[in-house]
Amino acid sequence: MDRRVTIVTEGSRGDWQPSVAAGAALRQAGFQVQLLGSTDVKAMAQQYDLFFVETWPISSKDYSTQPKQVEAITENNFVKLTAAAAAIREPMHELVLTRTVEALKTFKPDVVLTSLLSFVETLFICKALKIPVLFFGLQPMLASRHVGVMGVFPVLPDVFRLNLRLWDCLNRHFVSMVNTTAGPILEKLLQVPKRSFSASLAELYEHCSCHPRYPILFGISGTLHLPLPPDFTEMCKVLGPMELEKQEGKDFGEEEDSAALERFLAEGEAPVYIGYGSMICRSGRYMTELSVRALMLAQRRGVLLGGFAEMSEQKVEDLELLAYCKEKA
C-alpha cells in the first residue's frame, strides 16, 4: 500500500503555500498526500492535484482583516493578538476539530506534518489516534538559548537560562490553553479521557525544540538561515525553501499584471521588494504611503505587494509621494 502523509496547515498564505509545495513534492515522490486547511487553500491544492479537506470554514483574509486583529498588529501587542485570534476561533473550534479528526480517521496517514500554529492541537489528536507527528517548521523559531521567544521578545541573557525559561513559560501556557479549549471537545470526539492524549511540556519538546527526540523538518532557505543556532542538534533538518515548480493561475496574478512587472524589472536597476502579506497596520493608505516614503528617502525603485491591506497607487494621497510612486514603484 502507498505511504500516506497528511499535512495540517493553518494561517495565511505564507503558512499554507509552503505546505502545498511540500505536498506536491511528496506526491511527485510517490506518496499519497492529504492537505487540511482553510477555505482559501482549496484552489491551489486542487491545481497541484492534492487531496484537500477544508477544516477551517473561514478564509485567512476574513480572519486577518477582523478589526481586533488589525488593532493588535498595529499596536504590536502579543496579548491582544492572541485574544483576538481566540475570539475568532471559538465559534468554529468544535467544527474544525471534528473535521480534522474525521479526516485523519478516514485517510489513516502513516505520518502527519504540521507547523507552529497548529502543532499542539495536532499533537493531542495524533497522540489519541496513535499517528506519528512531525514538526514542519517555516522558520527556525523553537525553544533555544539563541532565539527570541516567538520573534516577539529579544534574546535574553544566558545567565540562569533566562531565555529558555521564558520559552518554557510561553509553551506551558500554550499547552494549558489547548487543554482548556480543545481538551473537552476532543474528549467528546475521541471518546477517551483527556489525560490519555494531553501532552506535557516535555512531550512537546520531544517534537518541537532545538534538541528534539524526533526529526524536525525546516522548509526554509539555507542562504537566509544557515548555520542554525549552535544549540540546534542534527535532528533539525533544513530542507531548503518550499517552492512550487509552476507558479501560474489566479493565485499568482493576472497575465496583464505579470507583463507590467516584467516591463518594470527590465527598465532599471533591481528594485526593493516590500510586502506585508496578511498583516495590516492602521490602513492600506498608511502602509502604502509609508512604503513609498521609504523608497523615496532611499532613492530606490520598488515592487510593492498589495496584500490583505490592499496597498495600491490609488491609496496615495500625498502628491509628492504619488509622483514618486508613478515613476519608481
Protein backbone atom coordinates (compact mmCIF):
# COMPACT_ATOMS: atom_id res chain seq x y z
CA MET A 1 0.00 0.00 0.00
CA ASP A 2 1.22 3.52 -0.81
CA ARG A 3 2.66 5.55 2.04
CA ARG A 4 0.32 8.28 3.23
CA VAL A 5 1.17 11.74 4.57
CA THR A 6 -1.24 14.32 5.97
CA ILE A 7 -0.15 17.96 6.16
CA VAL A 8 -2.13 20.12 8.60
CA THR A 9 -1.80 23.82 7.84
CA GLU A 10 -3.20 26.92 9.48
CA GLY A 11 -2.68 30.63 8.90
CA SER A 12 -2.34 32.85 5.84
CA ARG A 13 -0.66 32.22 2.51
CA GLY A 14 2.86 32.42 3.91
CA ASP A 15 1.90 29.42 6.05
CA TRP A 16 -0.11 27.31 3.62
CA GLN A 17 1.62 27.82 0.24
CA PRO A 18 4.81 26.09 1.52
CA SER A 19 2.57 23.21 2.65
CA VAL A 20 1.12 22.96 -0.86
CA ALA A 21 4.68 22.91 -2.23
CA ALA A 22 5.69 20.19 0.24
CA GLY A 23 2.60 18.19 -0.64
CA ALA A 24 3.28 18.49 -4.37
CA ALA A 25 6.88 17.29 -3.86
CA LEU A 26 5.75 14.35 -1.73
CA ARG A 27 3.12 13.38 -4.28
CA GLN A 28 5.74 13.51 -7.05
CA ALA A 29 7.91 11.20 -4.91
CA GLY A 30 5.12 8.62 -4.78
CA PHE A 31 3.31 9.44 -1.53
CA GLN A 32 -0.43 9.81 -1.16
CA VAL A 33 -0.94 13.27 0.33
CA GLN A 34 -3.84 14.77 2.23
CA LEU A 35 -3.84 18.51 2.96
CA LEU A 36 -6.01 20.04 5.69
CA GLY A 37 -6.54 23.80 5.82
CA SER A 38 -8.78 26.83 5.42
CA THR A 39 -11.17 27.54 2.60
CA ASP A 40 -8.71 29.67 0.59
CA VAL A 41 -6.22 26.80 0.27
CA LYS A 42 -8.59 24.75 -1.88
CA ALA A 43 -7.93 26.27 -5.32
CA MET A 44 -4.14 25.94 -5.15
CA ALA A 45 -4.33 22.45 -3.60
CA GLN A 46 -6.53 21.31 -6.47
CA GLN A 47 -4.22 22.93 -9.02
CA TYR A 48 -1.46 20.61 -7.77
CA ASP A 49 -3.75 17.56 -7.57
CA LEU A 50 -3.66 17.32 -3.80
CA PHE A 51 -6.47 15.69 -1.83
CA PHE A 52 -7.75 18.66 0.16
CA VAL A 53 -10.08 18.76 3.17
CA GLU A 54 -11.42 22.12 4.29
CA THR A 55 -11.18 22.19 8.07
CA TRP A 56 -11.40 25.96 8.63
CA PRO A 57 -14.63 27.47 7.18
CA ILE A 58 -13.09 30.95 7.01
CA SER A 59 -10.55 32.45 4.64
CA SER A 60 -7.28 33.78 6.01
CA LYS A 61 -8.23 37.21 4.64
CA ASP A 62 -11.51 37.28 6.56
CA TYR A 63 -9.55 36.18 9.64
CA SER A 64 -6.74 38.74 9.26
CA THR A 65 -8.93 41.74 8.47
CA GLN A 66 -11.03 41.50 11.65
CA PRO A 67 -10.85 44.92 13.43
CA LYS A 68 -9.44 43.46 16.67
CA GLN A 69 -6.75 41.63 14.72
CA VAL A 70 -5.76 44.83 12.87
CA GLU A 71 -5.68 46.75 16.17
CA ALA A 72 -3.37 44.15 17.75
CA ILE A 73 -1.00 44.16 14.75
CA THR A 74 -0.95 47.97 14.72
CA GLU A 75 -0.01 48.08 18.39
CA ASN A 76 2.37 45.09 18.09
CA ASN A 77 0.56 43.75 21.14
CA PHE A 78 1.05 39.98 21.53
CA VAL A 79 -1.55 39.67 24.30
CA LYS A 80 -4.20 41.42 22.22
CA LEU A 81 -3.22 39.35 19.17
CA THR A 82 -3.74 36.02 20.95
CA ALA A 83 -7.01 37.28 22.46
CA ALA A 84 -8.28 38.40 19.03
CA ALA A 85 -7.30 35.06 17.49
CA ALA A 86 -9.08 33.15 20.27
CA ALA A 87 -12.26 35.21 19.79
CA ILE A 88 -12.31 34.40 16.06
CA ARG A 89 -11.57 30.70 16.60
CA GLU A 90 -14.01 30.00 19.42
CA PRO A 91 -17.32 29.85 17.45
CA MET A 92 -15.90 27.40 14.88
CA HIS A 93 -13.46 25.48 17.09
CA GLU A 94 -15.57 22.35 17.52
CA LEU A 95 -16.28 22.18 13.79
CA VAL A 96 -12.57 22.49 12.96
CA LEU A 97 -11.59 19.75 15.41
CA THR A 98 -14.42 17.49 14.20
CA ARG A 99 -13.36 17.84 10.57
CA THR A 100 -9.70 17.27 11.48
CA VAL A 101 -10.38 14.09 13.48
CA GLU A 102 -12.72 12.70 10.81
CA ALA A 103 -10.21 13.44 8.02
CA LEU A 104 -7.38 11.67 9.86
CA LYS A 105 -9.54 8.68 10.78
CA THR A 106 -10.67 8.29 7.17
CA PHE A 107 -7.31 8.83 5.44
CA LYS A 108 -5.26 6.86 8.00
CA PRO A 109 -1.90 8.58 7.32
CA ASP A 110 1.42 6.98 8.24
CA VAL A 111 2.67 10.36 9.48
CA VAL A 112 1.31 13.87 9.98
CA LEU A 113 3.31 17.04 9.30
CA THR A 114 2.21 20.29 10.88
CA SER A 115 3.70 23.67 11.72
CA LEU A 116 3.78 26.05 14.65
CA LEU A 117 0.24 27.46 14.56
CA SER A 118 -1.48 24.07 14.61
CA PHE A 119 1.11 21.91 16.31
CA VAL A 120 -0.17 21.50 19.88
CA GLU A 121 -3.74 20.60 18.91
CA THR A 122 -2.48 18.25 16.19
CA LEU A 123 -0.13 16.60 18.68
CA PHE A 124 -3.06 15.92 21.03
CA ILE A 125 -5.17 14.42 18.23
CA CYS A 126 -2.36 12.29 16.82
CA LYS A 127 -1.46 11.02 20.27
CA ALA A 128 -5.03 9.79 20.71
CA LEU A 129 -5.18 8.26 17.22
CA LYS A 130 -1.66 6.78 17.56
CA ILE A 131 -0.35 8.53 14.42
CA PRO A 132 3.27 9.78 14.38
CA VAL A 133 3.52 13.56 14.01
CA LEU A 134 6.50 15.66 12.92
CA PHE A 135 7.08 19.39 13.23
CA PHE A 136 7.31 21.08 9.80
CA GLY A 137 8.82 24.49 10.50
CA LEU A 138 8.69 27.51 8.22
CA GLN A 139 11.19 29.47 10.30
CA PRO A 140 13.80 28.32 12.85
CA MET A 141 11.78 29.56 15.79
CA LEU A 142 11.99 26.99 18.57
CA ALA A 143 12.86 26.91 22.25
CA SER A 144 16.56 27.76 22.23
CA ARG A 145 19.10 29.83 24.13
CA HIS A 146 19.72 31.81 20.93
CA VAL A 147 16.20 32.52 19.57
CA GLY A 148 13.92 35.25 20.91
CA VAL A 149 10.60 33.89 22.11
CA MET A 150 8.12 33.78 19.20
CA GLY A 151 10.07 36.55 17.47
CA VAL A 152 8.37 38.99 19.85
CA PHE A 153 10.93 39.21 22.64
CA PRO A 154 14.67 39.89 22.33
CA VAL A 155 17.09 37.09 23.16
CA LEU A 156 17.54 37.23 26.92
CA PRO A 157 20.92 36.78 28.67
CA ASP A 158 22.05 33.18 29.11
CA VAL A 159 22.52 33.65 32.84
CA PHE A 160 20.10 31.40 34.78
CA ARG A 161 18.89 30.10 31.38
CA LEU A 162 16.58 33.14 31.19
CA ASN A 163 15.74 32.77 27.51
CA LEU A 164 14.84 29.09 27.86
CA ARG A 165 12.80 29.85 30.96
CA LEU A 166 10.71 32.36 29.01
CA TRP A 167 10.22 29.79 26.23
CA ASP A 168 9.12 27.26 28.85
CA CYS A 169 6.65 29.74 30.32
CA LEU A 170 5.03 30.53 26.98
CA ASN A 171 4.92 26.94 25.75
CA ARG A 172 3.47 25.75 29.05
CA HIS A 173 0.77 28.40 28.57
CA PHE A 174 0.01 27.13 25.04
CA VAL A 175 -0.29 23.52 26.23
CA SER A 176 -2.54 24.60 29.09
CA MET A 177 -4.68 26.72 26.76
CA VAL A 178 -5.19 23.79 24.35
CA ASN A 179 -6.05 21.56 27.31
CA THR A 180 -8.70 24.05 28.38
CA THR A 181 -10.19 24.94 24.99
CA ALA A 182 -9.72 21.84 22.82
CA GLY A 183 -9.48 19.19 25.54
CA PRO A 184 -13.22 18.87 26.35
CA ILE A 185 -14.15 18.88 22.65
CA LEU A 186 -11.58 16.19 21.85
CA GLU A 187 -12.75 14.07 24.81
CA LYS A 188 -16.22 14.01 23.25
CA LEU A 189 -14.98 13.38 19.70
CA LEU A 190 -12.41 10.72 20.56
CA GLN A 191 -14.40 9.04 23.35
CA VAL A 192 -11.34 8.88 25.60
CA PRO A 193 -10.39 10.81 28.77
CA LYS A 194 -8.31 13.95 28.31
CA ARG A 195 -5.40 12.55 30.31
CA SER A 196 -4.86 9.91 27.61
CA PHE A 197 -3.99 12.43 24.89
CA SER A 198 -2.94 15.61 26.69
CA ALA A 199 0.78 16.27 26.19
CA SER A 200 3.24 17.57 28.75
CA LEU A 201 5.81 20.28 28.08
CA ALA A 202 8.47 17.55 27.91
CA GLU A 203 6.47 15.71 25.21
CA LEU A 204 6.03 18.94 23.26
CA TYR A 205 9.79 19.50 23.35
CA GLU A 206 10.40 15.98 22.01
CA HIS A 207 8.83 17.26 18.78
CA CYS A 208 9.33 21.00 18.91
CA SER A 209 12.59 22.29 20.40
CA CYS A 210 16.22 22.75 19.42
CA HIS A 211 17.07 19.29 20.83
CA PRO A 212 14.10 17.13 19.73
CA ARG A 213 13.74 13.38 20.06
CA TYR A 214 12.10 13.19 16.63
CA PRO A 215 13.26 14.88 13.41
CA ILE A 216 12.20 18.45 12.75
CA LEU A 217 11.88 19.45 9.10
CA PHE A 218 12.52 23.07 8.22
CA GLY A 219 11.18 24.30 4.86
CA ILE A 220 13.47 27.33 4.89
CA SER A 221 16.24 28.88 2.79
CA GLY A 222 19.72 27.80 3.78
CA THR A 223 21.04 31.06 2.34
CA LEU A 224 19.00 33.05 4.85
CA HIS A 225 19.01 30.74 7.87
CA LEU A 226 22.19 28.63 7.91
CA PRO A 227 24.00 27.97 10.05
CA LEU A 228 21.28 27.22 12.57
CA PRO A 229 21.83 28.43 16.15
CA PRO A 230 24.56 26.43 17.90
CA ASP A 231 22.23 24.56 20.29
CA PHE A 232 20.14 23.09 17.42
CA THR A 233 21.02 19.38 17.12
CA GLU A 234 21.43 17.28 13.98
CA MET A 235 17.78 16.22 14.34
CA CYS A 236 16.87 19.67 12.97
CA LYS A 237 16.91 19.19 9.20
CA VAL A 238 16.93 22.12 6.73
CA LEU A 239 15.24 21.01 3.50
CA GLY A 240 15.52 24.32 1.64
CA PRO A 241 12.76 26.72 0.60
CA MET A 242 9.38 25.22 -0.30
CA GLU A 243 8.94 26.47 -3.88
CA LEU A 244 6.29 25.50 -6.40
CA GLU A 245 7.60 24.45 -9.80
CA LYS A 246 4.67 26.03 -11.64
CA GLN A 247 3.62 29.47 -10.48
CA GLU A 248 0.63 30.23 -12.61
CA GLY A 249 -3.09 30.79 -12.26
CA LYS A 250 -5.10 33.44 -10.45
CA ASP A 251 -3.19 32.95 -7.19
CA PHE A 252 -0.08 34.33 -8.91
CA GLY A 253 -1.67 37.36 -10.56
CA GLU A 254 -3.28 38.14 -13.89
CA GLU A 255 -1.26 37.94 -17.12
CA GLU A 256 -1.55 41.71 -17.52
CA ASP A 257 -0.01 42.25 -14.07
CA SER A 258 2.83 39.83 -14.82
CA ALA A 259 3.59 41.58 -18.11
CA ALA A 260 3.67 45.00 -16.41
CA LEU A 261 6.00 43.63 -13.74
CA GLU A 262 8.36 42.18 -16.37
CA ARG A 263 8.50 45.57 -18.13
CA PHE A 264 9.21 47.38 -14.86
CA LEU A 265 12.03 44.99 -13.97
CA ALA A 266 13.65 45.47 -17.38
CA GLU A 267 13.53 49.28 -17.23
CA GLY A 268 16.10 49.93 -14.50
CA GLU A 269 18.09 48.75 -11.52
CA ALA A 270 16.91 45.84 -9.41
CA PRO A 271 14.06 47.10 -7.19
CA VAL A 272 13.43 46.66 -3.48
CA TYR A 273 10.54 44.31 -2.73
CA ILE A 274 8.15 45.41 0.04
CA GLY A 275 5.36 43.15 1.20
CA TYR A 276 3.47 42.63 4.45
CA GLY A 277 1.37 39.62 3.47
CA SER A 278 -1.62 39.22 5.75
CA MET A 279 -0.62 41.95 8.21
CA ILE A 280 -2.45 45.28 8.31
CA CYS A 281 -1.10 48.22 10.29
CA ARG A 282 -3.65 51.04 10.59
CA SER A 283 -4.84 51.05 6.97
CA GLY A 284 -3.90 50.35 3.37
CA ARG A 285 -3.29 54.05 2.79
CA TYR A 286 -0.93 54.33 5.77
CA MET A 287 1.05 51.26 4.71
CA THR A 288 1.28 52.34 1.06
CA GLU A 289 2.47 55.86 1.87
CA LEU A 290 4.91 54.56 4.49
CA SER A 291 6.43 52.16 1.97
CA VAL A 292 6.67 54.70 -0.86
CA ARG A 293 8.18 57.27 1.52
CA ALA A 294 10.86 54.72 2.49
CA LEU A 295 11.66 54.13 -1.20
CA MET A 296 11.82 57.87 -1.86
CA LEU A 297 14.17 58.50 1.09
CA ALA A 298 16.42 55.68 -0.10
CA GLN A 299 16.10 56.78 -3.74
CA ARG A 300 15.25 53.25 -4.83
CA ARG A 301 12.78 51.65 -7.18
CA GLY A 302 10.35 49.25 -5.56
CA VAL A 303 7.82 46.47 -6.10
CA LEU A 304 5.02 46.57 -3.53
CA LEU A 305 2.74 43.63 -2.83
CA GLY A 306 -0.84 44.75 -2.25
CA GLY A 307 -1.50 42.04 0.35
CA PHE A 308 -4.52 41.97 2.63
CA ALA A 309 -4.10 45.72 3.24
CA GLU A 310 -4.79 46.15 -0.50
CA MET A 311 -1.94 48.64 -0.90
CA SER A 312 -2.09 50.44 -4.23
CA GLU A 313 -1.12 53.63 -6.04
CA GLN A 314 -4.76 54.74 -5.77
CA LYS A 315 -4.41 54.94 -1.98
CA VAL A 316 -1.56 57.51 -2.12
CA GLU A 317 -2.90 60.99 -1.35
CA ASP A 318 0.36 62.87 -0.79
CA LEU A 319 1.19 64.45 -4.17
CA GLU A 320 4.97 64.17 -3.82
CA LEU A 321 4.70 60.51 -2.90
CA LEU A 322 2.24 59.91 -5.71
CA ALA A 323 4.64 61.36 -8.29
CA TYR A 324 7.46 59.15 -6.98
CA CYS A 325 5.16 56.11 -6.93
CA LYS A 326 4.10 56.55 -10.56
CA GLU A 327 7.73 56.63 -11.71
CA LYS A 328 9.57 54.34 -9.31
CA ALA A 329 7.11 51.75 -7.95
